PDB file of N, CA and C in Angstrom:
ATOM      1  N   MET A   1       7.969  -5.118  -1.942  1.00  0.00           N
ATOM      2  CA  MET A   1       8.088  -4.304  -3.370  1.00  0.00           C
ATOM      3  C   MET A   1       7.019  -4.200  -3.927  1.00  0.00           C
ATOM      4  N   ALA A   2       7.008  -2.673  -4.659  1.00  0.00           N
ATOM      5  CA  ALA A   2       5.727  -2.193  -5.217  1.00  0.00           C
ATOM      6  C   ALA A   2       5.499  -2.353  -6.761  1.00  0.00           C
ATOM      7  N   LYS A   3       4.185  -1.994  -7.525  1.00  0.00           N
ATOM      8  CA  LYS A   3       3.892  -2.012  -8.789  1.00  0.00           C
ATOM      9  C   LYS A   3       3.413  -0.528  -8.553  1.00  0.00           C
ATOM     10  N   ILE A   4       4.641  -0.037 -10.040  1.00  0.00           N
ATOM     11  CA  ILE A   4       4.500   1.796  -9.905  1.00  0.00           C
ATOM     12  C   ILE A   4       4.500   1.529 -11.841  1.00  0.00           C
ATOM     13  N   THR A   5       3.429   2.643 -12.071  1.00  0.00           N
ATOM     14  CA  THR A   5       3.262   2.917 -13.302  1.00  0.00           C
ATOM     15  C   THR A   5       3.626   4.202 -13.743  1.00  0.00           C
ATOM     16  N   TYR A   6       4.546   3.948 -14.915  1.00  0.00           N
ATOM     17  CA  TYR A   6       5.163   4.923 -15.454  1.00  0.00           C
ATOM     18  C   TYR A   6       4.638   5.404 -16.341  1.00  0.00           C
ATOM     19  N   VAL A   7       4.376   6.814 -16.827  1.00  0.00           N
ATOM     20  CA  VAL A   7       3.583   7.026 -18.421  1.00  0.00           C
ATOM     21  C   VAL A   7       4.243   7.819 -19.231  1.00  0.00           C
ATOM     22  N   GLU A   8       4.356   7.392 -19.647  1.00  0.00           N
ATOM     23  CA  GLU A   8       5.456   8.384 -20.908  1.00  0.00           C
ATOM     24  C   GLU A   8       4.354   9.521 -21.158  1.00  0.00           C
ATOM     25  N   HIS A   9       5.182  10.623 -22.036  1.00  0.00           N
ATOM     26  CA  HIS A   9       4.416  11.878 -22.330  1.00  0.00           C
ATOM     27  C   HIS A   9       3.101  11.211 -23.692  1.00  0.00           C
ATOM     28  N   ASN A  10       3.595  10.765 -24.406  1.00  0.00           N
ATOM     29  CA  ASN A  10       2.450  10.386 -25.237  1.00  0.00           C
ATOM     30  C   ASN A  10       1.251   9.307 -24.636  1.00  0.00           C
ATOM     31  N   GLY A  11       1.341   9.076 -23.375  1.00  0.00           N
ATOM     32  CA  GLY A  11       0.457   8.050 -23.211  1.00  0.00           C
ATOM     33  C   GLY A  11       0.542   7.151 -22.721  1.00  0.00           C
ATOM     34  N   THR A  12       1.682   6.025 -23.221  1.00  0.00           N
ATOM     35  CA  THR A  12       2.020   4.737 -22.871  1.00  0.00           C
ATOM     36  C   THR A  12       2.402   4.476 -21.450  1.00  0.00           C
ATOM     37  N   GLU A  13       1.844   3.165 -21.358  1.00  0.00           N
ATOM     38  CA  GLU A  13       2.132   2.924 -19.438  1.00  0.00           C
ATOM     39  C   GLU A  13       2.883   1.886 -19.560  1.00  0.00           C
ATOM     40  N   HIS A  14       3.663   1.392 -18.656  1.00  0.00           N
ATOM     41  CA  HIS A  14       4.698   0.320 -18.124  1.00  0.00           C
ATOM     42  C   HIS A  14       4.363   0.388 -16.715  1.00  0.00           C
ATOM     43  N   VAL A  15       4.011  -1.145 -16.100  1.00  0.00           N
ATOM     44  CA  VAL A  15       3.711  -1.341 -15.253  1.00  0.00           C
ATOM     45  C   VAL A  15       5.110  -2.248 -14.399  1.00  0.00           C
ATOM     46  N   VAL A  16       5.962  -1.491 -13.463  1.00  0.00           N
ATOM     47  CA  VAL A  16       6.279  -2.981 -13.111  1.00  0.00           C
ATOM     48  C   VAL A  16       6.860  -3.238 -11.953  1.00  0.00           C
ATOM     49  N   ASP A  17       7.418  -4.160 -11.303  1.00  0.00           N
ATOM     50  CA  ASP A  17       7.460  -4.259  -9.744  1.00  0.00           C
ATOM     51  C   ASP A  17       8.588  -3.561  -9.900  1.00  0.00           C
ATOM     52  N   VAL A  18       8.988  -2.970  -8.374  1.00  0.00           N
ATOM     53  CA  VAL A  18       9.938  -1.970  -8.424  1.00  0.00           C
ATOM     54  C   VAL A  18      10.367  -2.903  -7.026  1.00  0.00           C
ATOM     55  N   ALA A  19      11.408  -3.436  -6.492  1.00  0.00           N
ATOM     56  CA  ALA A  19      12.227  -3.556  -5.316  1.00  0.00           C
ATOM     57  C   ALA A  19      12.273  -2.679  -4.015  1.00  0.00           C
ATOM     58  N   ASN A  20      11.910  -2.994  -2.931  1.00  0.00           N
ATOM     59  CA  ASN A  20      12.054  -2.218  -1.383  1.00  0.00           C
ATOM     60  C   ASN A  20      13.719  -1.600  -1.888  1.00  0.00           C
ATOM     61  N   GLY A  21      13.387  -0.635  -1.533  1.00  0.00           N
ATOM     62  CA  GLY A  21      15.091  -0.086  -0.958  1.00  0.00           C
ATOM     63  C   GLY A  21      15.574   0.719  -2.356  1.00  0.00           C
ATOM     64  N   LEU A  22      15.201   0.442  -3.740  1.00  0.00           N
ATOM     65  CA  LEU A  22      15.589   1.587  -4.828  1.00  0.00           C
ATOM     66  C   LEU A  22      14.904   2.258  -4.975  1.00  0.00           C
ATOM     67  N   THR A  23      14.632   3.384  -5.493  1.00  0.00           N
ATOM     68  CA  THR A  23      14.406   4.543  -6.036  1.00  0.00           C
ATOM     69  C   THR A  23      13.570   4.155  -7.181  1.00  0.00           C
ATOM     70  N   VAL A  24      12.635   5.092  -7.259  1.00  0.00           N
ATOM     71  CA  VAL A  24      11.689   5.453  -8.426  1.00  0.00           C
ATOM     72  C   VAL A  24      12.949   5.376 -10.078  1.00  0.00           C
ATOM     73  N   MET A  25      13.630   6.197  -9.843  1.00  0.00           N
ATOM     74  CA  MET A  25      14.344   6.267 -11.025  1.00  0.00           C
ATOM     75  C   MET A  25      15.025   4.642 -11.059  1.00  0.00           C
ATOM     76  N   GLU A  26      15.429   4.368 -10.567  1.00  0.00           N
ATOM     77  CA  GLU A  26      15.961   3.100 -10.360  1.00  0.00           C
ATOM     78  C   GLU A  26      15.327   2.121 -11.158  1.00  0.00           C
ATOM     79  N   GLY A  27      13.657   1.905 -10.466  1.00  0.00           N
ATOM     80  CA  GLY A  27      12.994   1.542 -11.118  1.00  0.00           C
ATOM     81  C   GLY A  27      12.780   1.310 -12.243  1.00  0.00           C
ATOM     82  N   ALA A  28      12.825   2.487 -13.026  1.00  0.00           N
ATOM     83  CA  ALA A  28      12.489   3.169 -14.504  1.00  0.00           C
ATOM     84  C   ALA A  28      13.524   2.926 -14.960  1.00  0.00           C
ATOM     85  N   ARG A  29      15.504   2.661 -14.672  1.00  0.00           N
ATOM     86  CA  ARG A  29      16.548   2.357 -15.336  1.00  0.00           C
ATOM     87  C   ARG A  29      16.489   1.152 -15.510  1.00  0.00           C
ATOM     88  N   ASP A  30      16.185   0.207 -14.254  1.00  0.00           N
ATOM     89  CA  ASP A  30      16.323  -1.114 -14.441  1.00  0.00           C
ATOM     90  C   ASP A  30      15.323  -1.942 -15.284  1.00  0.00           C
ATOM     91  N   ASN A  31      14.382  -1.479 -15.335  1.00  0.00           N
ATOM     92  CA  ASN A  31      13.509  -1.974 -16.497  1.00  0.00           C
ATOM     93  C   ASN A  31      13.388  -1.197 -17.639  1.00  0.00           C
ATOM     94  N   ASN A  32      14.352  -0.175 -18.147  1.00  0.00           N
ATOM     95  CA  ASN A  32      14.487   0.531 -19.427  1.00  0.00           C
ATOM     96  C   ASN A  32      12.932   1.287 -20.061  1.00  0.00           C
ATOM     97  N   ILE A  33      12.619   2.214 -19.062  1.00  0.00           N
ATOM     98  CA  ILE A  33      11.585   2.665 -19.438  1.00  0.00           C
ATOM     99  C   ILE A  33      11.996   3.808 -19.626  1.00  0.00           C
ATOM    100  N   PRO A  34      11.439   4.089 -21.282  1.00  0.00           N
ATOM    101  CA  PRO A  34      11.838   5.445 -21.507  1.00  0.00           C
ATOM    102  C   PRO A  34      11.275   7.139 -21.089  1.00  0.00           C
ATOM    103  N   GLY A  35      12.019   7.916 -21.261  1.00  0.00           N
ATOM    104  CA  GLY A  35      11.466   9.131 -20.768  1.00  0.00           C
ATOM    105  C   GLY A  35      12.395   9.520 -19.440  1.00  0.00           C
ATOM    106  N   ILE A  36      13.014   8.424 -19.107  1.00  0.00           N
ATOM    107  CA  ILE A  36      13.762   9.479 -17.291  1.00  0.00           C
ATOM    108  C   ILE A  36      15.096   8.828 -17.865  1.00  0.00           C
ATOM    109  N   GLU A  37      16.400   9.503 -17.543  1.00  0.00           N
ATOM    110  CA  GLU A  37      17.641   9.718 -18.449  1.00  0.00           C
ATOM    111  C   GLU A  37      18.362   9.612 -17.280  1.00  0.00           C
ATOM    112  N   ALA A  38      17.733  10.412 -15.862  1.00  0.00           N
ATOM    113  CA  ALA A  38      19.156   9.729 -14.804  1.00  0.00           C
ATOM    114  C   ALA A  38      20.586  10.177 -14.976  1.00  0.00           C
ATOM    115  N   ASP A  39      20.757  11.250 -15.991  1.00  0.00           N
ATOM    116  CA  ASP A  39      21.958  11.104 -16.179  1.00  0.00           C
ATOM    117  C   ASP A  39      23.124  11.090 -15.109  1.00  0.00           C
ATOM    118  N   CYS A  40      23.113  11.760 -13.758  1.00  0.00           N
ATOM    119  CA  CYS A  40      23.559  12.007 -12.374  1.00  0.00           C
ATOM    120  C   CYS A  40      23.540  10.519 -12.248  1.00  0.00           C
ATOM    121  N   GLY A  41      23.004   9.619 -12.220  1.00  0.00           N
ATOM    122  CA  GLY A  41      22.770   8.449 -11.628  1.00  0.00           C
ATOM    123  C   GLY A  41      21.890   8.499 -10.124  1.00  0.00           C
ATOM    124  N   GLY A  42      21.747   9.330  -9.754  1.00  0.00           N
ATOM    125  CA  GLY A  42      20.941   9.180  -8.987  1.00  0.00           C
ATOM    126  C   GLY A  42      21.345  10.250  -7.576  1.00  0.00           C
ATOM    127  N   ALA A  43      22.235  10.920  -8.019  1.00  0.00           N
ATOM    128  CA  ALA A  43      22.987  12.246  -6.808  1.00  0.00           C
ATOM    129  C   ALA A  43      21.985  13.360  -7.376  1.00  0.00           C
ATOM    130  N   CYS A  44      21.434  13.414  -7.468  1.00  0.00           N
ATOM    131  CA  CYS A  44      20.101  14.810  -7.146  1.00  0.00           C
ATOM    132  C   CYS A  44      21.131  15.710  -7.553  1.00  0.00           C
ATOM    133  N   ALA A  45      21.740  15.358  -8.761  1.00  0.00           N
ATOM    134  CA  ALA A  45      22.420  16.892  -9.385  1.00  0.00           C
ATOM    135  C   ALA A  45      22.228  17.052 -10.823  1.00  0.00           C
ATOM    136  N   CYS A  46      21.067  16.703 -11.256  1.00  0.00           N
ATOM    137  CA  CYS A  46      20.928  17.239 -12.329  1.00  0.00           C
ATOM    138  C   CYS A  46      18.987  17.338 -11.948  1.00  0.00           C
ATOM    139  N   SER A  47      18.596  17.397 -13.182  1.00  0.00           N
ATOM    140  CA  SER A  47      17.091  17.077 -13.449  1.00  0.00           C
ATOM    141  C   SER A  47      16.729  16.321 -14.213  1.00  0.00           C
ATOM    142  N   THR A  48      17.556  15.153 -15.222  1.00  0.00           N
ATOM    143  CA  THR A  48      16.949  14.308 -16.008  1.00  0.00           C
ATOM    144  C   THR A  48      15.852  12.893 -15.796  1.00  0.00           C
ATOM    145  N   CYS A  49      15.489  13.224 -14.511  1.00  0.00           N
ATOM    146  CA  CYS A  49      14.934  11.669 -14.142  1.00  0.00           C
ATOM    147  C   CYS A  49      13.551  12.665 -13.483  1.00  0.00           C
ATOM    148  N   HIS A  50      12.874  13.695 -14.137  1.00  0.00           N
ATOM    149  CA  HIS A  50      11.715  14.193 -13.413  1.00  0.00           C
ATOM    150  C   HIS A  50      10.421  13.843 -13.983  1.00  0.00           C
ATOM    151  N   VAL A  51       9.718  14.126 -12.889  1.00  0.00           N
ATOM    152  CA  VAL A  51       8.400  13.441 -13.557  1.00  0.00           C
ATOM    153  C   VAL A  51       7.236  14.185 -12.408  1.00  0.00           C
ATOM    154  N   TYR A  52       5.777  14.029 -13.129  1.00  0.00           N
ATOM    155  CA  TYR A  52       4.624  14.210 -12.494  1.00  0.00           C
ATOM    156  C   TYR A  52       4.274  13.148 -11.413  1.00  0.00           C
ATOM    157  N   VAL A  53       3.855  13.785 -10.426  1.00  0.00           N
ATOM    158  CA  VAL A  53       3.348  12.249  -9.257  1.00  0.00           C
ATOM    159  C   VAL A  53       2.103  12.568  -9.305  1.00  0.00           C
ATOM    160  N   ASP A  54       1.242  11.134  -9.960  1.00  0.00           N
ATOM    161  CA  ASP A  54      -0.423  11.883  -9.943  1.00  0.00           C
ATOM    162  C   ASP A  54      -0.588  12.406  -8.761  1.00  0.00           C
ATOM    163  N   ALA A  55      -2.048  13.204  -8.442  1.00  0.00           N
ATOM    164  CA  ALA A  55      -1.979  14.263  -7.724  1.00  0.00           C
ATOM    165  C   ALA A  55      -2.602  12.996  -6.793  1.00  0.00           C
ATOM    166  N   ALA A  56      -3.020  11.899  -7.149  1.00  0.00           N
ATOM    167  CA  ALA A  56      -3.683  11.684  -5.532  1.00  0.00           C
ATOM    168  C   ALA A  56      -2.472  10.533  -4.783  1.00  0.00           C
ATOM    169  N   TRP A  57      -1.305  10.647  -5.278  1.00  0.00           N
ATOM    170  CA  TRP A  57      -0.296  10.227  -4.795  1.00  0.00           C
ATOM    171  C   TRP A  57       0.726  11.109  -3.965  1.00  0.00           C
ATOM    172  N   ILE A  58       0.604  12.289  -4.271  1.00  0.00           N
ATOM    173  CA  ILE A  58       1.076  13.405  -3.660  1.00  0.00           C
ATOM    174  C   ILE A  58       1.496  13.692  -2.804  1.00  0.00           C
ATOM    175  N   GLU A  59       0.554  12.884  -1.506  1.00  0.00           N
ATOM    176  CA  GLU A  59       0.718  13.516  -0.473  1.00  0.00           C
ATOM    177  C   GLU A  59       0.802  12.124   0.572  1.00  0.00           C
ATOM    178  N   LYS A  60       1.086  11.197  -0.318  1.00  0.00           N
ATOM    179  CA  LYS A  60       1.476   9.953   0.408  1.00  0.00           C
ATOM    180  C   LYS A  60       3.017   9.371   0.229  1.00  0.00           C
ATOM    181  N   ILE A  61       3.680  10.303  -0.707  1.00  0.00           N
ATOM    182  CA  ILE A  61       5.075  10.032  -0.683  1.00  0.00           C
ATOM    183  C   ILE A  61       5.848  11.093   0.280  1.00  0.00           C
ATOM    184  N   PRO A  62       6.847  10.963   0.649  1.00  0.00           N
ATOM    185  CA  PRO A  62       7.969  11.730   1.445  1.00  0.00           C
ATOM    186  C   PRO A  62       8.189  13.157   1.063  1.00  0.00           C
ATOM    187  N   ALA A  63       8.002  14.293   1.779  1.00  0.00           N
ATOM    188  CA  ALA A  63       8.223  15.528   0.756  1.00  0.00           C
ATOM    189  C   ALA A  63       9.353  16.041   0.697  1.00  0.00           C
ATOM    190  N   LYS A  64       9.602  17.055  -0.415  1.00  0.00           N
ATOM    191  CA  LYS A  64      10.790  17.543  -1.220  1.00  0.00           C
ATOM    192  C   LYS A  64      11.584  17.922  -0.142  1.00  0.00           C
ATOM    193  N   ASP A  65      13.322  17.531  -0.075  1.00  0.00           N
ATOM    194  CA  ASP A  65      13.836  18.806   0.611  1.00  0.00           C
ATOM    195  C   ASP A  65      14.359  19.717  -0.256  1.00  0.00           C
ATOM    196  N   ASP A  66      15.400  20.550   0.546  1.00  0.00           N
ATOM    197  CA  ASP A  66      15.907  21.517  -0.370  1.00  0.00           C
ATOM    198  C   ASP A  66      16.635  21.448  -1.158  1.00  0.00           C
ATOM    199  N   MET A  67      17.613  20.514  -1.170  1.00  0.00           N
ATOM    200  CA  MET A  67      18.241  20.108  -2.628  1.00  0.00           C
ATOM    201  C   MET A  67      17.471  19.890  -3.975  1.00  0.00           C
ATOM    202  N   GLU A  68      16.423  18.721  -3.111  1.00  0.00           N
ATOM    203  CA  GLU A  68      15.382  18.513  -4.535  1.00  0.00           C
ATOM    204  C   GLU A  68      14.681  19.479  -5.290  1.00  0.00           C
ATOM    205  N   GLU A  69      14.575  20.606  -4.537  1.00  0.00           N
ATOM    206  CA  GLU A  69      13.398  21.882  -4.600  1.00  0.00           C
ATOM    207  C   GLU A  69      14.373  22.701  -5.585  1.00  0.00           C
ATOM    208  N   ASP A  70      15.805  22.878  -5.054  1.00  0.00           N
ATOM    209  CA  ASP A  70      17.072  23.903  -6.021  1.00  0.00           C
ATOM    210  C   ASP A  70      16.528  23.090  -7.510  1.00  0.00           C
ATOM    211  N   MET A  71      17.268  21.634  -7.727  1.00  0.00           N
ATOM    212  CA  MET A  71      17.290  21.180  -8.803  1.00  0.00           C
ATOM    213  C   MET A  71      15.941  20.948  -9.835  1.00  0.00           C
ATOM    214  N   LEU A  72      14.992  21.187  -9.229  1.00  0.00           N
ATOM    215  CA  LEU A  72      13.894  21.318  -9.846  1.00  0.00           C
ATOM    216  C   LEU A  72      13.597  22.085 -10.921  1.00  0.00           C
ATOM    217  N   ASP A  73      14.244  23.439 -10.399  1.00  0.00           N
ATOM    218  CA  ASP A  73      14.067  24.748 -10.947  1.00  0.00           C
ATOM    219  C   ASP A  73      14.758  24.641 -12.525  1.00  0.00           C
ATOM    220  N   PHE A  74      15.806  23.248 -12.361  1.00  0.00           N
ATOM    221  CA  PHE A  74      16.324  23.565 -14.013  1.00  0.00           C
ATOM    222  C   PHE A  74      15.361  22.265 -14.707  1.00  0.00           C
ATOM    223  N   ALA A  75      14.343  21.507 -14.435  1.00  0.00           N
ATOM    224  CA  ALA A  75      13.800  20.495 -15.152  1.00  0.00           C
ATOM    225  C   ALA A  75      12.553  21.138 -16.175  1.00  0.00           C
ATOM    226  N   TYR A  76      12.270  20.316 -16.984  1.00  0.00           N
ATOM    227  CA  TYR A  76      11.357  20.749 -17.837  1.00  0.00           C
ATOM    228  C   TYR A  76      10.146  21.458 -17.702  1.00  0.00           C
ATOM    229  N   GLU A  77       9.461  22.412 -17.826  1.00  0.00           N
ATOM    230  CA  GLU A  77       8.467  22.686 -16.883  1.00  0.00           C
ATOM    231  C   GLU A  77       7.829  22.084 -16.025  1.00  0.00           C
ATOM    232  N   PRO A  78       8.793  22.468 -14.892  1.00  0.00           N
ATOM    233  CA  PRO A  78       7.920  21.990 -13.193  1.00  0.00           C
ATOM    234  C   PRO A  78       6.615  22.119 -12.991  1.00  0.00           C
ATOM    235  N   ASN A  79       6.263  21.678 -12.305  1.00  0.00           N
ATOM    236  CA  ASN A  79       4.651  22.004 -11.758  1.00  0.00           C
ATOM    237  C   ASN A  79       4.983  21.661  -9.961  1.00  0.00           C
ATOM    238  N   PRO A  80       5.196  23.118  -9.691  1.00  0.00           N
ATOM    239  CA  PRO A  80       5.037  23.093  -8.022  1.00  0.00           C
ATOM    240  C   PRO A  80       4.371  22.050  -7.354  1.00  0.00           C
ATOM    241  N   GLU A  81       3.515  22.031  -7.671  1.00  0.00           N
ATOM    242  CA  GLU A  81       2.402  21.125  -6.996  1.00  0.00           C
ATOM    243  C   GLU A  81       3.080  19.445  -6.968  1.00  0.00           C
ATOM    244  N   LEU A  82       3.266  18.844  -8.625  1.00  0.00           N
ATOM    245  CA  LEU A  82       3.564  17.688  -8.569  1.00  0.00           C
ATOM    246  C   LEU A  82       4.726  17.408  -9.097  1.00  0.00           C
ATOM    247  N   SER A  83       6.024  18.149  -9.542  1.00  0.00           N
ATOM    248  CA  SER A  83       6.716  17.509  -9.981  1.00  0.00           C
ATOM    249  C   SER A  83       7.621  17.060  -9.334  1.00  0.00           C
ATOM    250  N   ARG A  84       8.319  15.766  -8.859  1.00  0.00           N
ATOM    251  CA  ARG A  84       9.357  15.321  -8.210  1.00  0.00           C
ATOM    252  C   ARG A  84      10.666  14.875  -8.663  1.00  0.00           C
ATOM    253  N   LEU A  85      11.985  14.611  -8.647  1.00  0.00           N
ATOM    254  CA  LEU A  85      12.856  14.025  -9.089  1.00  0.00           C
ATOM    255  C   LEU A  85      12.684  12.261  -8.479  1.00  0.00           C
ATOM    256  N   THR A  86      13.006  11.373  -9.745  1.00  0.00           N
ATOM    257  CA  THR A  86      12.247  10.174  -8.816  1.00  0.00           C
ATOM    258  C   THR A  86      13.591   9.242  -8.361  1.00  0.00           C
ATOM    259  N   CYS A  87      14.934   9.603  -8.125  1.00  0.00           N
ATOM    260  CA  CYS A  87      16.140   9.725  -7.933  1.00  0.00           C
ATOM    261  C   CYS A  87      16.220   9.814  -6.269  1.00  0.00           C
ATOM    262  N   GLN A  88      14.801  10.610  -5.821  1.00  0.00           N
ATOM    263  CA  GLN A  88      14.917  11.261  -4.495  1.00  0.00           C
ATOM    264  C   GLN A  88      13.411  10.238  -3.812  1.00  0.00           C
ATOM    265  N   ILE A  89      12.952   9.670  -4.212  1.00  0.00           N
ATOM    266  CA  ILE A  89      11.570   8.649  -3.925  1.00  0.00           C
ATOM    267  C   ILE A  89      11.962   7.098  -3.545  1.00  0.00           C
ATOM    268  N   LYS A  90      12.679   6.889  -2.447  1.00  0.00           N
ATOM    269  CA  LYS A  90      12.523   5.639  -2.442  1.00  0.00           C
ATOM    270  C   LYS A  90      11.500   4.486  -1.978  1.00  0.00           C
ATOM    271  N   VAL A  91      11.092   3.281  -2.758  1.00  0.00           N
ATOM    272  CA  VAL A  91      10.282   2.408  -2.934  1.00  0.00           C
ATOM    273  C   VAL A  91      10.111   1.962  -1.711  1.00  0.00           C
ATOM    274  N   THR A  92       8.936   1.843  -1.553  1.00  0.00           N
ATOM    275  CA  THR A  92       8.371   0.644  -0.253  1.00  0.00           C
ATOM    276  C   THR A  92       7.350   0.126  -0.458  1.00  0.00           C
ATOM    277  N   ASP A  93       6.744  -0.673   0.305  1.00  0.00           N
ATOM    278  CA  ASP A  93       5.411  -1.397  -0.036  1.00  0.00           C
ATOM    279  C   ASP A  93       4.219  -0.550   0.057  1.00  0.00           C
ATOM    280  N   ASP A  94       4.605   0.768   0.953  1.00  0.00           N
ATOM    281  CA  ASP A  94       3.617   1.905   0.737  1.00  0.00           C
ATOM    282  C   ASP A  94       3.155   2.518  -0.489  1.00  0.00           C
ATOM    283  N   LEU A  95       3.936   2.615  -1.668  1.00  0.00           N
ATOM    284  CA  LEU A  95       3.977   2.607  -2.874  1.00  0.00           C
ATOM    285  C   LEU A  95       3.459   2.059  -3.927  1.00  0.00           C
ATOM    286  N   ASP A  96       2.954   0.849  -3.410  1.00  0.00           N
ATOM    287  CA  ASP A  96       2.453   0.302  -4.350  1.00  0.00           C
ATOM    288  C   ASP A  96       1.145   0.521  -4.950  1.00  0.00           C
ATOM    289  N   GLY A  97       1.316   0.665  -6.339  1.00  0.00           N
ATOM    290  CA  GLY A  97       0.110   1.443  -6.781  1.00  0.00           C
ATOM    291  C   GLY A  97       0.641   2.812  -7.684  1.00  0.00           C
ATOM    292  N   LEU A  98       1.612   3.448  -7.314  1.00  0.00           N
ATOM    293  CA  LEU A  98       2.278   4.838  -7.534  1.00  0.00           C
ATOM    294  C   LEU A  98       1.988   4.890  -9.221  1.00  0.00           C
ATOM    295  N   VAL A  99       1.823   6.003  -9.459  1.00  0.00           N
ATOM    296  CA  VAL A  99       1.518   6.236 -10.981  1.00  0.00           C
ATOM    297  C   VAL A  99       2.325   7.758 -11.394  1.00  0.00           C
ATOM    298  N   VAL A 100       3.475   7.763 -11.920  1.00  0.00           N
ATOM    299  CA  VAL A 100       4.175   8.958 -12.149  1.00  0.00           C
ATOM    300  C   VAL A 100       4.367   9.273 -13.889  1.00  0.00           C
ATOM    301  N   ARG A 101       4.410  10.221 -14.434  1.00  0.00           N
ATOM    302  CA  ARG A 101       4.425  10.732 -15.983  1.00  0.00           C
ATOM    303  C   ARG A 101       5.220  11.428 -16.325  1.00  0.00           C
ATOM    304  N   MET A 102       5.828  10.818 -17.467  1.00  0.00           N
ATOM    305  CA  MET A 102       7.165  11.547 -17.606  1.00  0.00           C
ATOM    306  C   MET A 102       6.496  13.305 -18.557  1.00  0.00           C
ATOM    307  N   PRO A 103       7.477  14.039 -18.514  1.00  0.00           N
ATOM    308  CA  PRO A 103       7.489  15.658 -19.148  1.00  0.00           C
ATOM    309  C   PRO A 103       7.809  15.322 -20.387  1.00  0.00           C
ATOM    310  N   GLU A 104       7.361  16.345 -21.585  1.00  0.00           N
ATOM    311  CA  GLU A 104       7.687  15.741 -23.019  1.00  0.00           C
ATOM    312  C   GLU A 104       9.122  15.339 -23.475  1.00  0.00           C
ATOM    313  N   ARG A 105       9.677  16.228 -22.439  1.00  0.00           N
ATOM    314  CA  ARG A 105      11.425  15.898 -22.250  1.00  0.00           C
ATOM    315  C   ARG A 105      12.264  16.245 -21.147  1.00  0.00           C
ATOM    316  N   GLN A 106      13.630  15.748 -20.983  1.00  0.00           N
ATOM    317  CA  GLN A 106      13.815  16.173 -20.048  1.00  0.00           C
ATOM    318  C   GLN A 106      15.153  16.956 -19.897  1.00  0.00           C
ATOM    319  N   ILE A 107      15.630  17.446 -19.236  1.00  0.00           N
ATOM    320  CA  ILE A 107      16.841  19.095 -20.290  1.00  0.00           C
ATOM    321  C   ILE A 107      18.069  18.506 -20.205  1.00  0.00           C
TER     322      ILE A 107
END
């Protein structure tokens, strides 16, 4: 289990425990975190679970694959270095303390 901090665009923080094996998106959905819509349910077919990963964590999470890179082109104000789709980040103990920030809106 990992403690993940979700930060809304307005600065409101939500710190929740997310079970290993779930995705960061599922952790947000299961804990009613506002700002992550997840319209496709985690199929990497939209960009409505877009976040900015805290810079201190960017090297600690698995790299983006080509499909995620393509979907991020549709995200609201993507950042080439920090933007990720939360449906593509699997939770492990190694992610304990992860911080993600939501954009102003999802597309």
